[in-house]
Amino acid sequence: MVHDSEYTPDPSLVTRFYDDHAMNRHLDVRELPAPEPMLRILEAVSTLAPGESLLVHHNRIPHLLYPRLTERGLTVETNVPQDGEILLTIHRPPQANTLP
């Protein structure tokens, strides 16, 4: 088992990670071998501000990722378009306003 703290990304593997105008981020992990997709996704979601989302382009449904996202207070929506690509929208909810 690989722990996040022991992970060193292989610089020869390139993913696209960029911001768009809607405060969403995109990450393409379709070409990465396991466990790289999960590790890259967890690294990316750690930088999401409240209200931001990460759109992940994946080639399979990452069943082992879902509990890790829930533990971090994130929500995820999985879409499987007809072309077979898996699209995950991972969202960090806005912080709740609390009154003193």
PDB file of N, CA and C in Angstrom:
ATOM      1  N   MET A   1       0.844  -1.180   0.000  1.00  0.00           N
ATOM      2  CA  MET A   1       0.000   0.000   0.000  1.00  0.00           C
ATOM      3  C   MET A   1       0.889   1.242   0.000  1.00  0.00           C
ATOM      4  N   VAL A   2       0.538   2.211  -0.808  1.00  0.00           N
ATOM      5  CA  VAL A   2       1.280   3.468  -0.892  1.00  0.00           C
ATOM      6  C   VAL A   2       0.537   4.515  -0.086  1.00  0.00           C
ATOM      7  N   HIS A   3       1.237   5.178   0.796  1.00  0.00           N
ATOM      8  CA  HIS A   3       0.643   6.258   1.570  1.00  0.00           C
ATOM      9  C   HIS A   3       0.945   7.574   0.876  1.00  0.00           C
ATOM     10  N   ASP A   4       0.028   8.520   0.998  1.00  0.00           N
ATOM     11  CA  ASP A   4       0.190   9.811   0.332  1.00  0.00           C
ATOM     12  C   ASP A   4       1.534  10.449   0.660  1.00  0.00           C
ATOM     13  N   SER A   5       1.971  10.351   1.920  1.00  0.00           N
ATOM     14  CA  SER A   5       3.209  11.004   2.326  1.00  0.00           C
ATOM     15  C   SER A   5       4.438  10.350   1.703  1.00  0.00           C
ATOM     16  N   GLU A   6       4.313   9.121   1.220  1.00  0.00           N
ATOM     17  CA  GLU A   6       5.424   8.411   0.613  1.00  0.00           C
ATOM     18  C   GLU A   6       5.459   8.578  -0.899  1.00  0.00           C
ATOM     19  N   TYR A   7       4.508   9.256  -1.457  1.00  0.00           N
ATOM     20  CA  TYR A   7       4.359   9.357  -2.898  1.00  0.00           C
ATOM     21  C   TYR A   7       5.219  10.462  -3.469  1.00  0.00           C
ATOM     22  N   THR A   8       5.996  10.122  -4.480  1.00  0.00           N
ATOM     23  CA  THR A   8       6.758  11.105  -5.245  1.00  0.00           C
ATOM     24  C   THR A   8       6.343  10.963  -6.690  1.00  0.00           C
ATOM     25  N   PRO A   9       5.697  11.986  -7.268  1.00  0.00           N
ATOM     26  CA  PRO A   9       5.212  11.853  -8.636  1.00  0.00           C
ATOM     27  C   PRO A   9       6.360  11.696  -9.629  1.00  0.00           C
ATOM     28  N   ASP A  10       6.120  10.912 -10.649  1.00  0.00           N
ATOM     29  CA  ASP A  10       7.081  10.720 -11.729  1.00  0.00           C
ATOM     30  C   ASP A  10       6.964  11.917 -12.658  1.00  0.00           C
ATOM     31  N   PRO A  11       8.024  12.748 -12.767  1.00  0.00           N
ATOM     32  CA  PRO A  11       7.916  13.949 -13.593  1.00  0.00           C
ATOM     33  C   PRO A  11       7.723  13.666 -15.075  1.00  0.00           C
ATOM     34  N   SER A  12       7.965  12.434 -15.514  1.00  0.00           N
ATOM     35  CA  SER A  12       7.770  12.121 -16.934  1.00  0.00           C
ATOM     36  C   SER A  12       6.292  11.951 -17.279  1.00  0.00           C
ATOM     37  N   LEU A  13       5.450  11.805 -16.256  1.00  0.00           N
ATOM     38  CA  LEU A  13       4.011  11.663 -16.491  1.00  0.00           C
ATOM     39  C   LEU A  13       3.381  13.044 -16.384  1.00  0.00           C
ATOM     40  N   VAL A  14       2.754  13.441 -17.450  1.00  0.00           N
ATOM     41  CA  VAL A  14       2.219  14.804 -17.504  1.00  0.00           C
ATOM     42  C   VAL A  14       0.700  14.755 -17.445  1.00  0.00           C
ATOM     43  N   THR A  15       0.134  15.563 -16.585  1.00  0.00           N
ATOM     44  CA  THR A  15      -1.318  15.734 -16.561  1.00  0.00           C
ATOM     45  C   THR A  15      -1.614  17.191 -16.841  1.00  0.00           C
ATOM     46  N   ARG A  16      -2.793  17.425 -17.301  1.00  0.00           N
ATOM     47  CA  ARG A  16      -3.228  18.798 -17.529  1.00  0.00           C
ATOM     48  C   ARG A  16      -3.993  19.255 -16.301  1.00  0.00           C
ATOM     49  N   PHE A  17      -3.543  20.317 -15.700  1.00  0.00           N
ATOM     50  CA  PHE A  17      -4.181  20.844 -14.495  1.00  0.00           C
ATOM     51  C   PHE A  17      -4.224  22.356 -14.648  1.00  0.00           C
ATOM     52  N   TYR A  18      -5.393  22.903 -14.827  1.00  0.00           N
ATOM     53  CA  TYR A  18      -5.484  24.335 -15.077  1.00  0.00           C
ATOM     54  C   TYR A  18      -6.796  24.870 -14.533  1.00  0.00           C
ATOM     55  N   ASP A  19      -6.842  26.171 -14.372  1.00  0.00           N
ATOM     56  CA  ASP A  19      -8.058  26.836 -13.907  1.00  0.00           C
ATOM     57  C   ASP A  19      -8.804  27.383 -15.112  1.00  0.00           C
ATOM     58  N   ASP A  20     -10.121  27.351 -15.055  1.00  0.00           N
ATOM     59  CA  ASP A  20     -10.904  28.001 -16.103  1.00  0.00           C
ATOM     60  C   ASP A  20     -11.632  29.192 -15.499  1.00  0.00           C
ATOM     61  N   HIS A  21     -12.479  29.836 -16.282  1.00  0.00           N
ATOM     62  CA  HIS A  21     -13.120  31.065 -15.835  1.00  0.00           C
ATOM     63  C   HIS A  21     -14.224  30.833 -14.806  1.00  0.00           C
ATOM     64  N   ALA A  22     -14.660  29.615 -14.611  1.00  0.00           N
ATOM     65  CA  ALA A  22     -15.773  29.339 -13.698  1.00  0.00           C
ATOM     66  C   ALA A  22     -15.295  28.873 -12.330  1.00  0.00           C
ATOM     67  N   MET A  23     -14.033  29.121 -11.989  1.00  0.00           N
ATOM     68  CA  MET A  23     -13.465  28.701 -10.716  1.00  0.00           C
ATOM     69  C   MET A  23     -13.475  27.179 -10.579  1.00  0.00           C
ATOM     70  N   ASN A  24     -13.485  26.487 -11.692  1.00  0.00           N
ATOM     71  CA  ASN A  24     -13.365  25.040 -11.689  1.00  0.00           C
ATOM     72  C   ASN A  24     -11.970  24.687 -12.152  1.00  0.00           C
ATOM     73  N   ARG A  25     -11.486  23.570 -11.696  1.00  0.00           N
ATOM     74  CA  ARG A  25     -10.183  23.088 -12.127  1.00  0.00           C
ATOM     75  C   ARG A  25     -10.392  21.790 -12.881  1.00  0.00           C
ATOM     76  N   HIS A  26      -9.473  21.490 -13.756  1.00  0.00           N
ATOM     77  CA  HIS A  26      -9.557  20.294 -14.580  1.00  0.00           C
ATOM     78  C   HIS A  26      -8.287  19.472 -14.391  1.00  0.00           C
ATOM     79  N   LEU A  27      -8.466  18.164 -14.316  1.00  0.00           N
ATOM     80  CA  LEU A  27      -7.332  17.260 -14.166  1.00  0.00           C
ATOM     81  C   LEU A  27      -7.583  16.048 -15.046  1.00  0.00           C
ATOM     82  N   ASP A  28      -6.637  15.728 -15.916  1.00  0.00           N
ATOM     83  CA  ASP A  28      -6.770  14.587 -16.816  1.00  0.00           C
ATOM     84  C   ASP A  28      -5.808  13.507 -16.341  1.00  0.00           C
ATOM     85  N   VAL A  29      -6.378  12.390 -15.847  1.00  0.00           N
ATOM     86  CA  VAL A  29      -5.554  11.288 -15.335  1.00  0.00           C
ATOM     87  C   VAL A  29      -5.743  10.020 -16.161  1.00  0.00           C
ATOM     88  N   ARG A  30      -6.329  10.143 -17.343  1.00  0.00           N
ATOM     89  CA  ARG A  30      -6.670   8.960 -18.147  1.00  0.00           C
ATOM     90  C   ARG A  30      -5.462   8.131 -18.541  1.00  0.00           C
ATOM     91  N   GLU A  31      -4.313   8.729 -18.714  1.00  0.00           N
ATOM     92  CA  GLU A  31      -3.143   7.999 -19.197  1.00  0.00           C
ATOM     93  C   GLU A  31      -2.221   7.516 -18.079  1.00  0.00           C
ATOM     94  N   LEU A  32      -2.587   7.761 -16.832  1.00  0.00           N
ATOM     95  CA  LEU A  32      -1.704   7.421 -15.717  1.00  0.00           C
ATOM     96  C   LEU A  32      -1.956   6.013 -15.190  1.00  0.00           C
ATOM     97  N   PRO A  33      -0.900   5.301 -14.802  1.00  0.00           N
ATOM     98  CA  PRO A  33      -1.070   3.982 -14.192  1.00  0.00           C
ATOM     99  C   PRO A  33      -1.456   4.124 -12.718  1.00  0.00           C
ATOM    100  N   ALA A  34      -2.139   3.119 -12.187  1.00  0.00           N
ATOM    101  CA  ALA A  34      -2.491   3.113 -10.767  1.00  0.00           C
ATOM    102  C   ALA A  34      -1.196   3.051  -9.951  1.00  0.00           C
ATOM    103  N   PRO A  35      -1.164   3.696  -8.812  1.00  0.00           N
ATOM    104  CA  PRO A  35      -2.172   4.488  -8.111  1.00  0.00           C
ATOM    105  C   PRO A  35      -2.094   5.981  -8.411  1.00  0.00           C
ATOM    106  N   GLU A  36      -1.391   6.366  -9.467  1.00  0.00           N
ATOM    107  CA  GLU A  36      -1.184   7.784  -9.787  1.00  0.00           C
ATOM    108  C   GLU A  36      -2.474   8.598  -9.879  1.00  0.00           C
ATOM    109  N   PRO A  37      -3.536   8.104 -10.546  1.00  0.00           N
ATOM    110  CA  PRO A  37      -4.748   8.930 -10.626  1.00  0.00           C
ATOM    111  C   PRO A  37      -5.285   9.326  -9.251  1.00  0.00           C
ATOM    112  N   MET A  38      -5.400   8.369  -8.340  1.00  0.00           N
ATOM    113  CA  MET A  38      -5.943   8.689  -7.024  1.00  0.00           C
ATOM    114  C   MET A  38      -5.029   9.670  -6.293  1.00  0.00           C
ATOM    115  N   LEU A  39      -3.746   9.469  -6.369  1.00  0.00           N
ATOM    116  CA  LEU A  39      -2.820  10.350  -5.672  1.00  0.00           C
ATOM    117  C   LEU A  39      -2.838  11.763  -6.250  1.00  0.00           C
ATOM    118  N   ARG A  40      -2.892  11.862  -7.545  1.00  0.00           N
ATOM    119  CA  ARG A  40      -2.953  13.189  -8.183  1.00  0.00           C
ATOM    120  C   ARG A  40      -4.263  13.902  -7.850  1.00  0.00           C
ATOM    121  N   ILE A  41      -5.356  13.143  -7.835  1.00  0.00           N
ATOM    122  CA  ILE A  41      -6.655  13.735  -7.511  1.00  0.00           C
ATOM    123  C   ILE A  41      -6.657  14.234  -6.069  1.00  0.00           C
ATOM    124  N   LEU A  42      -6.163  13.416  -5.139  1.00  0.00           N
ATOM    125  CA  LEU A  42      -6.132  13.824  -3.738  1.00  0.00           C
ATOM    126  C   LEU A  42      -5.235  15.045  -3.536  1.00  0.00           C
ATOM    127  N   GLU A  43      -4.153  15.109  -4.268  1.00  0.00           N
ATOM    128  CA  GLU A  43      -3.273  16.275  -4.191  1.00  0.00           C
ATOM    129  C   GLU A  43      -3.996  17.524  -4.705  1.00  0.00           C
ATOM    130  N   ALA A  44      -4.712  17.382  -5.809  1.00  0.00           N
ATOM    131  CA  ALA A  44      -5.417  18.517  -6.407  1.00  0.00           C
ATOM    132  C   ALA A  44      -6.556  19.007  -5.520  1.00  0.00           C
ATOM    133  N   VAL A  45      -7.335  18.100  -4.936  1.00  0.00           N
ATOM    134  CA  VAL A  45      -8.474  18.536  -4.119  1.00  0.00           C
ATOM    135  C   VAL A  45      -8.021  19.192  -2.821  1.00  0.00           C
ATOM    136  N   SER A  46      -6.801  18.910  -2.396  1.00  0.00           N
ATOM    137  CA  SER A  46      -6.314  19.533  -1.163  1.00  0.00           C
ATOM    138  C   SER A  46      -6.155  21.039  -1.327  1.00  0.00           C
ATOM    139  N   THR A  47      -6.100  21.523  -2.555  1.00  0.00           N
ATOM    140  CA  THR A  47      -5.936  22.959  -2.805  1.00  0.00           C
ATOM    141  C   THR A  47      -7.243  23.657  -3.164  1.00  0.00           C
ATOM    142  N   LEU A  48      -8.362  22.929  -3.192  1.00  0.00           N
ATOM    143  CA  LEU A  48      -9.645  23.555  -3.525  1.00  0.00           C
ATOM    144  C   LEU A  48     -10.095  24.485  -2.405  1.00  0.00           C
ATOM    145  N   ALA A  49     -10.461  25.678  -2.774  1.00  0.00           N
ATOM    146  CA  ALA A  49     -11.042  26.626  -1.821  1.00  0.00           C
ATOM    147  C   ALA A  49     -12.531  26.305  -1.670  1.00  0.00           C
ATOM    148  N   PRO A  50     -13.158  26.760  -0.589  1.00  0.00           N
ATOM    149  CA  PRO A  50     -14.595  26.547  -0.446  1.00  0.00           C
ATOM    150  C   PRO A  50     -15.348  27.067  -1.669  1.00  0.00           C
ATOM    151  N   GLY A  51     -16.238  26.240  -2.188  1.00  0.00           N
ATOM    152  CA  GLY A  51     -17.032  26.588  -3.361  1.00  0.00           C
ATOM    153  C   GLY A  51     -16.393  26.206  -4.683  1.00  0.00           C
ATOM    154  N   GLU A  52     -15.147  25.771  -4.685  1.00  0.00           N
ATOM    155  CA  GLU A  52     -14.474  25.381  -5.919  1.00  0.00           C
ATOM    156  C   GLU A  52     -14.727  23.912  -6.245  1.00  0.00           C
ATOM    157  N   SER A  53     -14.566  23.595  -7.534  1.00  0.00           N
ATOM    158  CA  SER A  53     -14.756  22.228  -8.013  1.00  0.00           C
ATOM    159  C   SER A  53     -13.562  21.789  -8.838  1.00  0.00           C
ATOM    160  N   LEU A  54     -13.393  20.480  -8.913  1.00  0.00           N
ATOM    161  CA  LEU A  54     -12.368  19.863  -9.746  1.00  0.00           C
ATOM    162  C   LEU A  54     -13.078  18.911 -10.703  1.00  0.00           C
ATOM    163  N   LEU A  55     -12.876  19.113 -11.994  1.00  0.00           N
ATOM    164  CA  LEU A  55     -13.417  18.207 -13.002  1.00  0.00           C
ATOM    165  C   LEU A  55     -12.294  17.262 -13.404  1.00  0.00           C
ATOM    166  N   VAL A  56     -12.504  15.963 -13.179  1.00  0.00           N
ATOM    167  CA  VAL A  56     -11.483  14.959 -13.454  1.00  0.00           C
ATOM    168  C   VAL A  56     -11.910  14.127 -14.655  1.00  0.00           C
ATOM    169  N   HIS A  57     -11.002  13.981 -15.606  1.00  0.00           N
ATOM    170  CA  HIS A  57     -11.191  13.107 -16.762  1.00  0.00           C
ATOM    171  C   HIS A  57     -10.479  11.801 -16.431  1.00  0.00           C
ATOM    172  N   HIS A  58     -11.250  10.722 -16.330  1.00  0.00           N
ATOM    173  CA  HIS A  58     -10.711   9.434 -15.889  1.00  0.00           C
ATOM    174  C   HIS A  58     -11.116   8.372 -16.905  1.00  0.00           C
ATOM    175  N   ASN A  59     -10.444   7.239 -16.868  1.00  0.00           N
ATOM    176  CA  ASN A  59     -10.805   6.150 -17.782  1.00  0.00           C
ATOM    177  C   ASN A  59     -11.526   5.007 -17.071  1.00  0.00           C
ATOM    178  N   ARG A  60     -11.748   5.150 -15.772  1.00  0.00           N
ATOM    179  CA  ARG A  60     -12.517   4.138 -15.025  1.00  0.00           C
ATOM    180  C   ARG A  60     -13.160   4.783 -13.811  1.00  0.00           C
ATOM    181  N   ILE A  61     -14.140   4.102 -13.247  1.00  0.00           N
ATOM    182  CA  ILE A  61     -14.786   4.604 -12.032  1.00  0.00           C
ATOM    183  C   ILE A  61     -13.870   4.273 -10.862  1.00  0.00           C
ATOM    184  N   PRO A  62     -13.398   5.303 -10.140  1.00  0.00           N
ATOM    185  CA  PRO A  62     -12.423   5.084  -9.065  1.00  0.00           C
ATOM    186  C   PRO A  62     -13.089   4.780  -7.716  1.00  0.00           C
ATOM    187  N   HIS A  63     -13.577   3.563  -7.570  1.00  0.00           N
ATOM    188  CA  HIS A  63     -14.332   3.179  -6.375  1.00  0.00           C
ATOM    189  C   HIS A  63     -13.556   3.430  -5.076  1.00  0.00           C
ATOM    190  N   LEU A  64     -12.248   3.220  -5.078  1.00  0.00           N
ATOM    191  CA  LEU A  64     -11.466   3.407  -3.863  1.00  0.00           C
ATOM    192  C   LEU A  64     -11.278   4.879  -3.503  1.00  0.00           C
ATOM    193  N   LEU A  65     -11.512   5.762  -4.436  1.00  0.00           N
ATOM    194  CA  LEU A  65     -11.353   7.192  -4.192  1.00  0.00           C
ATOM    195  C   LEU A  65     -12.520   7.784  -3.410  1.00  0.00           C
ATOM    196  N   TYR A  66     -13.720   7.288  -3.634  1.00  0.00           N
ATOM    197  CA  TYR A  66     -14.916   7.897  -3.043  1.00  0.00           C
ATOM    198  C   TYR A  66     -14.852   8.043  -1.516  1.00  0.00           C
ATOM    199  N   PRO A  67     -14.459   7.004  -0.771  1.00  0.00           N
ATOM    200  CA  PRO A  67     -14.392   7.187   0.691  1.00  0.00           C
ATOM    201  C   PRO A  67     -13.355   8.235   1.106  1.00  0.00           C
ATOM    202  N   ARG A  68     -12.266   8.327   0.359  1.00  0.00           N
ATOM    203  CA  ARG A  68     -11.215   9.308   0.671  1.00  0.00           C
ATOM    204  C   ARG A  68     -11.751  10.734   0.485  1.00  0.00           C
ATOM    205  N   LEU A  69     -12.587  10.927  -0.521  1.00  0.00           N
ATOM    206  CA  LEU A  69     -13.175  12.245  -0.749  1.00  0.00           C
ATOM    207  C   LEU A  69     -14.178  12.592   0.339  1.00  0.00           C
ATOM    208  N   THR A  70     -15.000  11.613   0.713  1.00  0.00           N
ATOM    209  CA  THR A  70     -15.990  11.828   1.770  1.00  0.00           C
ATOM    210  C   THR A  70     -15.309  12.190   3.077  1.00  0.00           C
ATOM    211  N   GLU A  71     -14.207  11.511   3.399  1.00  0.00           N
ATOM    212  CA  GLU A  71     -13.455  11.811   4.622  1.00  0.00           C
ATOM    213  C   GLU A  71     -12.975  13.257   4.640  1.00  0.00           C
ATOM    214  N   ARG A  72     -12.739  13.822   3.481  1.00  0.00           N
ATOM    215  CA  ARG A  72     -12.244  15.190   3.369  1.00  0.00           C
ATOM    216  C   ARG A  72     -13.373  16.219   3.251  1.00  0.00           C
ATOM    217  N   GLY A  73     -14.625  15.771   3.406  1.00  0.00           N
ATOM    218  CA  GLY A  73     -15.765  16.681   3.355  1.00  0.00           C
ATOM    219  C   GLY A  73     -16.130  17.134   1.956  1.00  0.00           C
ATOM    220  N   LEU A  74     -15.735  16.374   0.940  1.00  0.00           N
ATOM    221  CA  LEU A  74     -15.991  16.719  -0.450  1.00  0.00           C
ATOM    222  C   LEU A  74     -17.163  15.918  -0.996  1.00  0.00           C
ATOM    223  N   THR A  75     -17.833  16.475  -1.983  1.00  0.00           N
ATOM    224  CA  THR A  75     -18.885  15.743  -2.678  1.00  0.00           C
ATOM    225  C   THR A  75     -18.378  15.406  -4.070  1.00  0.00           C
ATOM    226  N   VAL A  76     -18.924  14.337  -4.657  1.00  0.00           N
ATOM    227  CA  VAL A  76     -18.488  13.935  -5.990  1.00  0.00           C
ATOM    228  C   VAL A  76     -19.697  13.497  -6.806  1.00  0.00           C
ATOM    229  N   GLU A  77     -19.697  13.902  -8.051  1.00  0.00           N
ATOM    230  CA  GLU A  77     -20.715  13.479  -9.017  1.00  0.00           C
ATOM    231  C   GLU A  77     -19.981  12.754 -10.137  1.00  0.00           C
ATOM    232  N   THR A  78     -20.456  11.564 -10.471  1.00  0.00           N
ATOM    233  CA  THR A  78     -19.827  10.759 -11.518  1.00  0.00           C
ATOM    234  C   THR A  78     -20.734  10.727 -12.737  1.00  0.00           C
ATOM    235  N   ASN A  79     -20.176  11.067 -13.892  1.00  0.00           N
ATOM    236  CA  ASN A  79     -20.908  11.022 -15.155  1.00  0.00           C
ATOM    237  C   ASN A  79     -20.167  10.113 -16.116  1.00  0.00           C
ATOM    238  N   VAL A  80     -20.936   9.298 -16.830  1.00  0.00           N
ATOM    239  CA  VAL A  80     -20.361   8.405 -17.826  1.00  0.00           C
ATOM    240  C   VAL A  80     -21.023   8.718 -19.165  1.00  0.00           C
ATOM    241  N   PRO A  81     -20.419   9.652 -19.933  1.00  0.00           N
ATOM    242  CA  PRO A  81     -20.970   9.964 -21.253  1.00  0.00           C
ATOM    243  C   PRO A  81     -20.881   8.745 -22.171  1.00  0.00           C
ATOM    244  N   GLN A  82     -21.537   8.793 -23.288  1.00  0.00           N
ATOM    245  CA  GLN A  82     -21.571   7.659 -24.207  1.00  0.00           C
ATOM    246  C   GLN A  82     -20.210   7.307 -24.783  1.00  0.00           C
ATOM    247  N   ASP A  83     -19.255   8.233 -24.751  1.00  0.00           N
ATOM    248  CA  ASP A  83     -17.939   7.925 -25.312  1.00  0.00           C
ATOM    249  C   ASP A  83     -17.089   7.067 -24.380  1.00  0.00           C
ATOM    250  N   GLY A  84     -17.583   6.793 -23.162  1.00  0.00           N
ATOM    251  CA  GLY A  84     -16.878   5.905 -22.251  1.00  0.00           C
ATOM    252  C   GLY A  84     -15.948   6.603 -21.283  1.00  0.00           C
ATOM    253  N   GLU A  85     -15.649   7.869 -21.498  1.00  0.00           N
ATOM    254  CA  GLU A  85     -14.812   8.611 -20.556  1.00  0.00           C
ATOM    255  C   GLU A  85     -15.600   8.843 -19.275  1.00  0.00           C
ATOM    256  N   ILE A  86     -14.943   8.709 -18.149  1.00  0.00           N
ATOM    257  CA  ILE A  86     -15.567   8.955 -16.856  1.00  0.00           C
ATOM    258  C   ILE A  86     -15.251  10.391 -16.456  1.00  0.00           C
ATOM    259  N   LEU A  87     -16.277  11.146 -16.110  1.00  0.00           N
ATOM    260  CA  LEU A  87     -16.093  12.525 -15.657  1.00  0.00           C
ATOM    261  C   LEU A  87     -16.518  12.612 -14.198  1.00  0.00           C
ATOM    262  N   LEU A  88     -15.607  13.027 -13.350  1.00  0.00           N
ATOM    263  CA  LEU A  88     -15.891  13.214 -11.938  1.00  0.00           C
ATOM    264  C   LEU A  88     -15.888  14.705 -11.650  1.00  0.00           C
ATOM    265  N   THR A  89     -16.926  15.188 -11.012  1.00  0.00           N
ATOM    266  CA  THR A  89     -16.940  16.561 -10.534  1.00  0.00           C
ATOM    267  C   THR A  89     -16.861  16.501  -9.023  1.00  0.00           C
ATOM    268  N   ILE A  90     -15.729  16.950  -8.504  1.00  0.00           N
ATOM    269  CA  ILE A  90     -15.475  16.916  -7.060  1.00  0.00           C
ATOM    270  C   ILE A  90     -15.616  18.347  -6.561  1.00  0.00           C
ATOM    271  N   HIS A  91     -16.428  18.528  -5.529  1.00  0.00           N
ATOM    272  CA  HIS A  91     -16.768  19.872  -5.068  1.00  0.00           C
ATOM    273  C   HIS A  91     -16.479  20.019  -3.576  1.00  0.00           C
ATOM    274  N   ARG A  92     -15.828  21.130  -3.226  1.00  0.00           N
ATOM    275  CA  ARG A  92     -15.681  21.490  -1.815  1.00  0.00           C
ATOM    276  C   ARG A  92     -16.808  22.477  -1.509  1.00  0.00           C
ATOM    277  N   PRO A  93     -17.726  22.104  -0.618  1.00  0.00           N
ATOM    278  CA  PRO A  93     -18.857  22.982  -0.320  1.00  0.00           C
ATOM    279  C   PRO A  93     -18.390  24.317   0.255  1.00  0.00           C
ATOM    280  N   PRO A  94     -19.193  25.367   0.029  1.00  0.00           N
ATOM    281  CA  PRO A  94     -18.861  26.662   0.640  1.00  0.00           C
ATOM    282  C   PRO A  94     -18.930  26.526   2.168  1.00  0.00           C
ATOM    283  N   GLN A  95     -18.136  27.321   2.830  1.00  0.00           N
ATOM    284  CA  GLN A  95     -18.170  27.287   4.287  1.00  0.00           C
ATOM    285  C   GLN A  95     -19.504  27.834   4.765  1.00  0.00           C
ATOM    286  N   ALA A  96     -20.063  27.180   5.757  1.00  0.00           N
ATOM    287  CA  ALA A  96     -21.338  27.629   6.305  1.00  0.00           C
ATOM    288  C   ALA A  96     -21.128  28.905   7.107  1.00  0.00           C
ATOM    289  N   ASN A  97     -22.043  29.824   6.936  1.00  0.00           N
ATOM    290  CA  ASN A  97     -21.983  31.045   7.754  1.00  0.00           C
ATOM    291  C   ASN A  97     -22.504  30.724   9.136  1.00  0.00           C
ATOM    292  N   THR A  98     -21.714  31.038  10.134  1.00  0.00           N
ATOM    293  CA  THR A  98     -22.143  30.787  11.512  1.00  0.00           C
ATOM    294  C   THR A  98     -22.235  32.101  12.248  1.00  0.00           C
ATOM    295  N   LEU A  99     -23.229  32.226  13.048  1.00  0.00           N
ATOM    296  CA  LEU A  99     -23.416  33.429  13.855  1.00  0.00           C
ATOM    297  C   LEU A  99     -22.766  33.215  15.202  1.00  0.00           C
ATOM    298  N   PRO A 100     -22.138  34.258  15.771  1.00  0.00           N
ATOM    299  CA  PRO A 100     -21.489  34.090  17.093  1.00  0.00           C
ATOM    300  C   PRO A 100     -22.478  33.822  18.190  1.00  0.00           C
TER     301      PRO A 100
END
